[in-house]
């Protein structure tokens, strides 16, 4: 299943962008956003569990970014506020069958890309200072 991310662009520091990811009509237990800057490893940004019950963010974006899912539309969004130049990266959405964030399961989402089942092309986010 190929995921399609969109919504990237060029924004000034302090501005906002909303990324969206379409999941080709399938629903997954977990959705996540990762990002990759030039010369760096792809890093975890945020994840949302089945039904949207649990959300998880990396420390550097907590309080500024919000991940959400709409299972009726098969989309997962990332609202990014108070953007900083260090947020500049290509952002990728990932989907997986791992369950977390509900009773009896892990309290944190998979943090590595090889733990997910589907992904797509990224969308470039550039934040100017």
Protein backbone atom coordinates (compact mmCIF):
# COMPACT_ATOMS: atom_id res chain seq x y z
CA UNK A 1 0.00 0.00 0.00
CA UNK A 2 1.46 3.31 -1.04
CA UNK A 3 0.86 6.31 1.15
CA UNK A 4 0.73 9.80 -0.31
CA UNK A 5 1.94 12.76 1.74
CA UNK A 6 1.17 16.36 0.83
CA UNK A 7 1.06 19.85 2.28
CA UNK A 8 4.72 20.74 2.53
CA UNK A 9 6.13 24.08 1.51
CA UNK A 10 8.20 27.08 2.45
CA UNK A 11 7.24 29.01 5.58
CA UNK A 12 8.88 31.58 7.82
CA UNK A 13 9.91 30.73 11.34
CA UNK A 14 6.92 30.91 13.65
CA UNK A 15 4.52 29.96 10.89
CA UNK A 16 2.32 26.90 10.44
CA UNK A 17 1.81 24.10 7.96
CA UNK A 18 -0.58 21.17 7.84
CA UNK A 19 0.61 17.94 6.30
CA UNK A 20 -1.81 15.28 5.16
CA UNK A 21 -1.35 11.63 4.25
CA UNK A 22 -3.81 9.52 2.25
CA UNK A 23 -3.75 5.79 2.93
CA UNK A 24 -5.27 4.43 -0.27
CA UNK A 25 -8.49 3.27 1.36
CA UNK A 26 -6.89 1.01 3.93
CA UNK A 27 -6.92 1.45 7.68
CA UNK A 28 -3.94 0.67 9.90
CA UNK A 29 -3.53 0.34 13.65
CA UNK A 30 -0.75 2.92 13.85
CA UNK A 31 0.19 5.95 11.79
CA UNK A 32 3.35 7.93 12.24
CA UNK A 33 5.28 10.80 10.75
CA UNK A 34 9.06 10.68 10.35
CA UNK A 35 11.38 13.31 8.95
CA UNK A 36 14.82 13.39 7.40
CA UNK A 37 17.19 16.32 7.05
CA UNK A 38 20.19 16.28 4.69
CA UNK A 39 23.00 14.19 6.14
CA UNK A 40 20.90 12.89 9.01
CA UNK A 41 19.07 9.70 9.82
CA UNK A 42 15.31 9.54 9.38
CA UNK A 43 13.82 10.31 12.77
CA UNK A 44 10.50 9.71 14.47
CA UNK A 45 8.26 12.76 14.87
CA UNK A 46 4.79 11.68 16.02
CA UNK A 47 2.38 8.75 16.08
CA UNK A 48 -1.30 8.11 16.64
CA UNK A 49 -2.77 4.83 17.82
CA UNK A 50 -5.85 2.92 16.73
CA UNK A 51 -8.93 5.10 17.02
CA UNK A 52 -6.81 8.11 17.90
CA UNK A 53 -6.84 7.23 21.59
CA UNK A 54 -3.13 7.76 22.15
CA UNK A 55 -0.75 10.31 20.71
CA UNK A 56 3.02 10.38 21.05
CA UNK A 57 5.59 13.01 20.06
CA UNK A 58 9.31 13.36 20.04
CA UNK A 59 10.45 15.92 22.60
CA UNK A 60 11.50 18.55 20.06
CA UNK A 61 7.98 18.93 18.61
CA UNK A 62 5.79 18.25 21.64
CA UNK A 63 3.48 21.22 22.24
CA UNK A 64 3.93 22.54 18.68
CA UNK A 65 2.80 19.64 16.47
CA UNK A 66 -0.49 17.72 16.57
CA UNK A 67 -1.11 14.41 14.84
CA UNK A 68 -4.63 13.27 14.06
CA UNK A 69 -6.36 10.55 12.06
CA UNK A 70 -9.69 10.36 10.24
CA UNK A 71 -10.54 6.74 9.61
CA UNK A 72 -13.67 7.66 7.66
CA UNK A 73 -11.50 9.50 5.16
CA UNK A 74 -8.44 7.25 5.56
CA UNK A 75 -6.17 10.19 6.22
CA UNK A 76 -3.66 11.16 8.88
CA UNK A 77 -2.63 14.78 9.37
CA UNK A 78 0.19 16.61 11.09
CA UNK A 79 -0.55 20.17 12.16
CA UNK A 80 2.73 22.00 12.67
CA UNK A 81 2.72 25.32 14.52
CA UNK A 82 5.50 27.61 15.71
CA UNK A 83 7.82 26.15 13.12
CA UNK A 84 11.56 26.52 13.55
CA UNK A 85 14.39 26.35 10.99
CA UNK A 86 15.47 23.06 12.56
CA UNK A 87 12.12 21.56 11.52
CA UNK A 88 13.29 21.77 7.91
CA UNK A 89 13.22 18.26 6.46
CA UNK A 90 11.41 15.88 4.16
CA UNK A 91 8.44 14.50 6.09
CA UNK A 92 7.20 10.95 5.51
CA UNK A 93 4.07 9.20 6.72
CA UNK A 94 4.20 5.58 7.79
CA UNK A 95 1.53 3.02 8.63
CA UNK A 96 1.77 -0.19 10.58
CA UNK A 97 -0.17 -2.99 12.21
CA UNK A 98 1.53 -2.73 15.61
CA UNK A 99 -0.93 -1.91 18.34
CA UNK A 100 0.07 0.36 21.19
CA UNK A 101 -1.46 2.85 23.57
CA UNK A 102 -4.32 0.67 24.70
CA UNK A 103 -4.61 -1.63 27.70
CA UNK A 104 -2.36 -4.64 27.43
CA UNK A 105 -0.10 -3.22 24.75
CA UNK A 106 3.01 -1.10 24.58
CA UNK A 107 2.71 2.42 25.93
CA UNK A 108 4.86 3.93 23.20
CA UNK A 109 4.68 3.53 19.42
CA UNK A 110 7.26 1.88 17.19
CA UNK A 111 10.07 4.40 16.80
CA UNK A 112 11.92 2.93 13.82
CA UNK A 113 10.86 2.83 10.21
CA UNK A 114 11.50 -0.90 9.84
CA UNK A 115 8.71 -1.53 12.33
CA UNK A 116 6.13 -0.15 9.93
CA UNK A 117 4.49 -1.84 6.95
CA UNK A 118 3.76 0.93 4.48
CA UNK A 119 5.09 4.36 3.63
CA UNK A 120 5.21 6.75 0.75
CA UNK A 121 7.07 9.59 -0.85
CA UNK A 122 7.78 12.47 1.45
CA UNK A 123 6.87 16.12 1.32
CA UNK A 124 9.45 18.88 1.75
CA UNK A 125 9.07 21.35 4.60
CA UNK A 126 11.41 24.33 4.61
CA UNK A 127 11.39 26.86 7.43
CA UNK A 128 13.29 30.07 6.82
CA UNK A 129 14.76 32.15 9.64
